[in-house]
Structures are given as structure tokens and as C-alpha cells.
Amino acid sequence: MANRLPSSVLFCCDYNAVRSPMAEGIMKKLYGNTVYVQSAGVRDDLEIDGFSITVCQEIGVELSRHTVRTMDEMHDWGDELSSFELIIALSPAAQRRAIESTVYFSLDVEYWPVLDPTGMGEAREEKLAFYRQSRDQIHSRIIRRFGTPPTI
């Protein structure tokens, strides 16, 4: 059952390189500018993952210009955790960090267990299959949580 669409959503995961950028891109494609959407990671050691870019391009979601950022860096980018209505954590570390960081704010934190495809599969096509599985989990979860997107 779908819930009301919040005014702002932050997706977070470990590095903001695979799952959270996918979620941000998919949410923006589905709901356009009806909701403010950003993503961040707990740590900052990586760049956007090439396999994520590839599998999102397959569904018309552009990630190649995504800039990785941490939850700590958000303030420098003009965003505060307290300004989001909903934080969706896609990894246990992101869930812990979101809860710790928002203990004094009135906002919701949800945990969506989504497959981390990094390091899975040997050949390129096997790797892409795992990334597609993560992408599709995120896409399905967004639709289930927020309902059928408006026609944009």
C-alpha cells in the first residue's frame, strides 16, 4: 500500500556510489520535481560505480554526472539532515548513522534492505545481473512505498 509522497527524501548507503545514487535517480525520474530528492553515503572513498551507471541508463536514468558525497558533507552542499522529511537507509551502516544523526529531529528513518551488488559475479554480464537486481529492488520498493508516479 502506498503512502503519501513526502516533500523531501534522502537516500543513504555506505559510499553513495551504488545503491543510493540509483535510488535518487530512479525517484527523480518517477516523480520529477514533485519531491526534493538527494543521496549521500556514510563514508567517502569511492566514485560513482560504472555498473550502476550502465544499469540505470538501461531504464533512462542518468547517473554519470552524479557527485559522491557523505552525510557529513551535506551541509557544504546546502542540505541539512533535519531539512528532509524522510531518510531511507539502504544499508545497516546508513541506518545507524541516520538514526544517530536525527535523534533530535522530527523526521522518519526507514530501512530498506537492498542487495549490495559490489563484488558479486565474475564476468561482466554476471556483475550486471546483480546490479540490475539491486536496481529493480529499489525501483519496486519506491513504487510500493510512494505509489504510481504521476505522468510527467
C-alpha atoms as a PDB file:
ATOM      1  CA  MET A   1       0.000   0.000   0.000  1.00  0.00           C
ATOM      2  CA  ALA A   2       1.394   3.369  -0.976  1.00  0.00           C
ATOM      3  CA  ASN A   3       1.873   6.200   1.469  1.00  0.00           C
ATOM      4  CA  ARG A   4       1.664   9.889   0.772  1.00  0.00           C
ATOM      5  CA  LEU A   5       4.575  11.366  -1.145  1.00  0.00           C
ATOM      6  CA  PRO A   6       6.832  13.341   1.218  1.00  0.00           C
ATOM      7  CA  SER A   7       8.137  16.776   0.293  1.00  0.00           C
ATOM      8  CA  SER A   8      11.786  15.634   0.565  1.00  0.00           C
ATOM      9  CA  VAL A   9      13.643  12.312   0.669  1.00  0.00           C
ATOM     10  CA  LEU A  10      17.282  11.475   1.371  1.00  0.00           C
ATOM     11  CA  PHE A  11      18.544   8.063   0.285  1.00  0.00           C
ATOM     12  CA  CYS A  12      21.719   6.933   2.010  1.00  0.00           C
ATOM     13  CA  CYS A  13      24.020   3.930   1.874  1.00  0.00           C
ATOM     14  CA  ASP A  14      27.662   3.169   2.615  1.00  0.00           C
ATOM     15  CA  TYR A  15      29.532   5.178  -0.058  1.00  0.00           C
ATOM     16  CA  ASN A  16      26.921   6.968  -2.195  1.00  0.00           C
ATOM     17  CA  ALA A  17      28.389   5.155  -5.173  1.00  0.00           C
ATOM     18  CA  VAL A  18      25.926   2.341  -5.980  1.00  0.00           C
ATOM     19  CA  ARG A  19      22.546   1.969  -4.241  1.00  0.00           C
ATOM     20  CA  SER A  20      21.741   5.481  -3.018  1.00  0.00           C
ATOM     21  CA  PRO A  21      22.555   7.203  -6.345  1.00  0.00           C
ATOM     22  CA  MET A  22      20.403   4.588  -8.109  1.00  0.00           C
ATOM     23  CA  ALA A  23      17.547   5.334  -5.701  1.00  0.00           C
ATOM     24  CA  GLU A  24      17.965   9.097  -6.131  1.00  0.00           C
ATOM     25  CA  GLY A  25      17.981   8.830  -9.914  1.00  0.00           C
ATOM     26  CA  ILE A  26      15.019   6.460 -10.085  1.00  0.00           C
ATOM     27  CA  MET A  27      12.960   8.570  -7.667  1.00  0.00           C
ATOM     28  CA  LYS A  28      13.683  11.733  -9.668  1.00  0.00           C
ATOM     29  CA  LYS A  29      12.739  10.014 -12.920  1.00  0.00           C
ATOM     30  CA  LEU A  30       9.479   8.655 -11.495  1.00  0.00           C
ATOM     31  CA  TYR A  31       8.290  11.687  -9.523  1.00  0.00           C
ATOM     32  CA  GLY A  32      10.096  14.584 -11.198  1.00  0.00           C
ATOM     33  CA  ASN A  33      10.125  17.793  -9.224  1.00  0.00           C
ATOM     34  CA  THR A  34       7.115  16.848  -7.079  1.00  0.00           C
ATOM     35  CA  VAL A  35       9.566  15.796  -4.339  1.00  0.00           C
ATOM     36  CA  TYR A  36      13.061  17.028  -3.451  1.00  0.00           C
ATOM     37  CA  VAL A  37      15.440  14.040  -3.594  1.00  0.00           C
ATOM     38  CA  GLN A  38      19.117  13.713  -2.686  1.00  0.00           C
ATOM     39  CA  SER A  39      21.508  10.934  -1.705  1.00  0.00           C
ATOM     40  CA  ALA A  40      24.562  10.586   0.500  1.00  0.00           C
ATOM     41  CA  GLY A  41      26.880   7.992   1.986  1.00  0.00           C
ATOM     42  CA  VAL A  42      28.314   7.262   5.382  1.00  0.00           C
ATOM     43  CA  ARG A  43      31.881   7.222   4.008  1.00  0.00           C
ATOM     44  CA  ASP A  44      33.611   8.875   1.059  1.00  0.00           C
ATOM     45  CA  ASP A  45      36.165   6.639  -0.586  1.00  0.00           C
ATOM     46  CA  LEU A  46      34.652   5.928  -3.979  1.00  0.00           C
ATOM     47  CA  GLU A  47      33.391   7.499  -7.174  1.00  0.00           C
ATOM     48  CA  ILE A  48      30.085   6.628  -8.810  1.00  0.00           C
ATOM     49  CA  ASP A  49      30.181   2.972  -9.823  1.00  0.00           C
ATOM     50  CA  GLY A  50      30.296   2.305 -13.571  1.00  0.00           C
ATOM     51  CA  PHE A  51      27.993  -0.698 -13.358  1.00  0.00           C
ATOM     52  CA  SER A  52      25.398   1.468 -11.596  1.00  0.00           C
ATOM     53  CA  ILE A  53      25.636   3.996 -14.400  1.00  0.00           C
ATOM     54  CA  THR A  54      25.184   1.257 -17.010  1.00  0.00           C
ATOM     55  CA  VAL A  55      22.141  -0.461 -15.482  1.00  0.00           C
ATOM     56  CA  CYS A  56      20.415   2.839 -14.797  1.00  0.00           C
ATOM     57  CA  GLN A  57      20.975   4.013 -18.367  1.00  0.00           C
ATOM     58  CA  GLU A  58      19.025   0.918 -19.431  1.00  0.00           C
ATOM     59  CA  ILE A  59      15.906   2.404 -17.797  1.00  0.00           C
ATOM     60  CA  GLY A  60      16.548   6.010 -18.807  1.00  0.00           C
ATOM     61  CA  VAL A  61      18.142   7.179 -15.550  1.00  0.00           C
ATOM     62  CA  GLU A  62      21.308   9.280 -15.949  1.00  0.00           C
ATOM     63  CA  LEU A  63      23.933   8.827 -13.214  1.00  0.00           C
ATOM     64  CA  SER A  64      27.192   9.685 -14.994  1.00  0.00           C
ATOM     65  CA  ARG A  65      27.233  13.238 -13.586  1.00  0.00           C
ATOM     66  CA  HIS A  66      26.496  12.132 -10.016  1.00  0.00           C
ATOM     67  CA  THR A  67      28.938  13.519  -7.467  1.00  0.00           C
ATOM     68  CA  VAL A  68      29.571  11.281  -4.471  1.00  0.00           C
ATOM     69  CA  ARG A  69      29.082  12.966  -1.090  1.00  0.00           C
ATOM     70  CA  THR A  70      28.869  11.960   2.540  1.00  0.00           C
ATOM     71  CA  MET A  71      26.247  12.802   5.102  1.00  0.00           C
ATOM     72  CA  ASP A  72      28.894  14.996   6.764  1.00  0.00           C
ATOM     73  CA  GLU A  73      29.446  16.926   3.518  1.00  0.00           C
ATOM     74  CA  MET A  74      25.762  17.664   3.030  1.00  0.00           C
ATOM     75  CA  HIS A  75      25.970  20.947   4.934  1.00  0.00           C
ATOM     76  CA  ASP A  76      28.638  22.166   2.482  1.00  0.00           C
ATOM     77  CA  TRP A  77      26.227  21.361  -0.359  1.00  0.00           C
ATOM     78  CA  GLY A  78      23.403  23.354   1.232  1.00  0.00           C
ATOM     79  CA  ASP A  79      21.443  20.457   2.720  1.00  0.00           C
ATOM     80  CA  GLU A  80      20.861  19.595   6.361  1.00  0.00           C
ATOM     81  CA  LEU A  81      19.613  16.197   7.511  1.00  0.00           C
ATOM     82  CA  SER A  82      16.958  17.975   9.544  1.00  0.00           C
ATOM     83  CA  SER A  83      15.515  19.520   6.386  1.00  0.00           C
ATOM     84  CA  PHE A  84      14.428  16.147   4.972  1.00  0.00           C
ATOM     85  CA  GLU A  85      11.015  14.747   5.757  1.00  0.00           C
ATOM     86  CA  LEU A  86      12.148  11.157   5.194  1.00  0.00           C
ATOM     87  CA  ILE A  87      15.519   9.388   5.208  1.00  0.00           C
ATOM     88  CA  ILE A  88      15.681   5.977   3.564  1.00  0.00           C
ATOM     89  CA  ALA A  89      18.737   3.932   4.515  1.00  0.00           C
ATOM     90  CA  LEU A  90      19.794   1.228   2.082  1.00  0.00           C
ATOM     91  CA  SER A  91      22.483  -0.318   4.291  1.00  0.00           C
ATOM     92  CA  PRO A  92      22.726  -1.118   8.023  1.00  0.00           C
ATOM     93  CA  ALA A  93      25.581   1.393   8.492  1.00  0.00           C
ATOM     94  CA  ALA A  94      23.498   4.131   6.854  1.00  0.00           C
ATOM     95  CA  GLN A  95      20.524   3.243   9.038  1.00  0.00           C
ATOM     96  CA  ARG A  96      22.624   3.532  12.210  1.00  0.00           C
ATOM     97  CA  ARG A  97      24.112   6.837  11.077  1.00  0.00           C
ATOM     98  CA  ALA A  98      20.729   8.285  10.103  1.00  0.00           C
ATOM     99  CA  ILE A  99      19.169   7.355  13.441  1.00  0.00           C
ATOM    100  CA  GLU A 100      22.149   8.749  15.390  1.00  0.00           C
ATOM    101  CA  SER A 101      22.166  11.962  13.353  1.00  0.00           C
ATOM    102  CA  THR A 102      18.451  12.616  13.622  1.00  0.00           C
ATOM    103  CA  VAL A 103      17.762  11.786  17.257  1.00  0.00           C
ATOM    104  CA  TYR A 104      16.837  15.424  17.938  1.00  0.00           C
ATOM    105  CA  PHE A 105      14.793  15.961  14.767  1.00  0.00           C
ATOM    106  CA  SER A 106      11.230  15.011  13.963  1.00  0.00           C
ATOM    107  CA  LEU A 107      11.663  13.031  10.787  1.00  0.00           C
ATOM    108  CA  ASP A 108      11.207   9.445   9.734  1.00  0.00           C
ATOM    109  CA  VAL A 109      14.014   6.993   9.016  1.00  0.00           C
ATOM    110  CA  GLU A 110      13.198   3.827   7.097  1.00  0.00           C
ATOM    111  CA  TYR A 111      15.490   0.903   6.365  1.00  0.00           C
ATOM    112  CA  TRP A 112      15.139  -0.847   3.027  1.00  0.00           C
ATOM    113  CA  PRO A 113      17.390  -3.925   2.820  1.00  0.00           C
ATOM    114  CA  VAL A 114      18.664  -3.820  -0.752  1.00  0.00           C
ATOM    115  CA  LEU A 115      21.258  -6.191  -2.209  1.00  0.00           C
ATOM    116  CA  ASP A 116      24.770  -4.697  -2.357  1.00  0.00           C
ATOM    117  CA  PRO A 117      25.948  -5.914  -5.774  1.00  0.00           C
ATOM    118  CA  THR A 118      29.585  -4.839  -5.408  1.00  0.00           C
ATOM    119  CA  GLY A 119      31.992  -7.737  -5.597  1.00  0.00           C
ATOM    120  CA  MET A 120      29.345 -10.162  -6.847  1.00  0.00           C
ATOM    121  CA  GLY A 121      29.757 -12.115 -10.065  1.00  0.00           C
ATOM    122  CA  GLU A 122      32.851 -12.854 -12.096  1.00  0.00           C
ATOM    123  CA  ALA A 123      32.199 -11.926 -15.720  1.00  0.00           C
ATOM    124  CA  ARG A 124      30.767  -8.574 -16.804  1.00  0.00           C
ATOM    125  CA  GLU A 125      27.300  -9.989 -17.567  1.00  0.00           C
ATOM    126  CA  GLU A 126      27.143 -11.723 -14.183  1.00  0.00           C
ATOM    127  CA  LYS A 127      28.072  -8.477 -12.442  1.00  0.00           C
ATOM    128  CA  LEU A 128      25.481  -6.541 -14.436  1.00  0.00           C
ATOM    129  CA  ALA A 129      22.822  -9.101 -13.471  1.00  0.00           C
ATOM    130  CA  PHE A 130      23.453  -8.401  -9.762  1.00  0.00           C
ATOM    131  CA  TYR A 131      23.378  -4.625 -10.342  1.00  0.00           C
ATOM    132  CA  ARG A 132      20.106  -4.995 -12.253  1.00  0.00           C
ATOM    133  CA  GLN A 133      18.694  -6.968  -9.343  1.00  0.00           C
ATOM    134  CA  SER A 134      19.583  -4.125  -6.943  1.00  0.00           C
ATOM    135  CA  ARG A 135      18.181  -1.523  -9.339  1.00  0.00           C
ATOM    136  CA  ASP A 136      14.945  -3.444  -9.727  1.00  0.00           C
ATOM    137  CA  GLN A 137      14.607  -3.939  -5.954  1.00  0.00           C
ATOM    138  CA  ILE A 138      14.949  -0.187  -5.469  1.00  0.00           C
ATOM    139  CA  HIS A 139      12.513   0.616  -8.287  1.00  0.00           C
ATOM    140  CA  SER A 140       9.877  -1.801  -6.941  1.00  0.00           C
ATOM    141  CA  ARG A 141      10.283  -0.565  -3.393  1.00  0.00           C
ATOM    142  CA  ILE A 142       9.892   3.081  -4.456  1.00  0.00           C
ATOM    143  CA  ILE A 143       6.658   2.312  -6.341  1.00  0.00           C
ATOM    144  CA  ARG A 144       5.331   0.210  -3.450  1.00  0.00           C
ATOM    145  CA  ARG A 145       6.177   2.920  -0.899  1.00  0.00           C
ATOM    146  CA  PHE A 146       5.111   6.031  -2.846  1.00  0.00           C
ATOM    147  CA  GLY A 147       2.535   4.765  -5.324  1.00  0.00           C
ATOM    148  CA  THR A 148       2.089   5.064  -9.044  1.00  0.00           C
ATOM    149  CA  PRO A 149       4.095   8.042 -10.283  1.00  0.00           C
ATOM    150  CA  PRO A 150       2.276  10.951 -11.875  1.00  0.00           C
ATOM    151  CA  THR A 151       2.555  11.430 -15.605  1.00  0.00           C
ATOM    152  CA  ILE A 152       5.490  13.775 -16.056  1.00  0.00           C
END
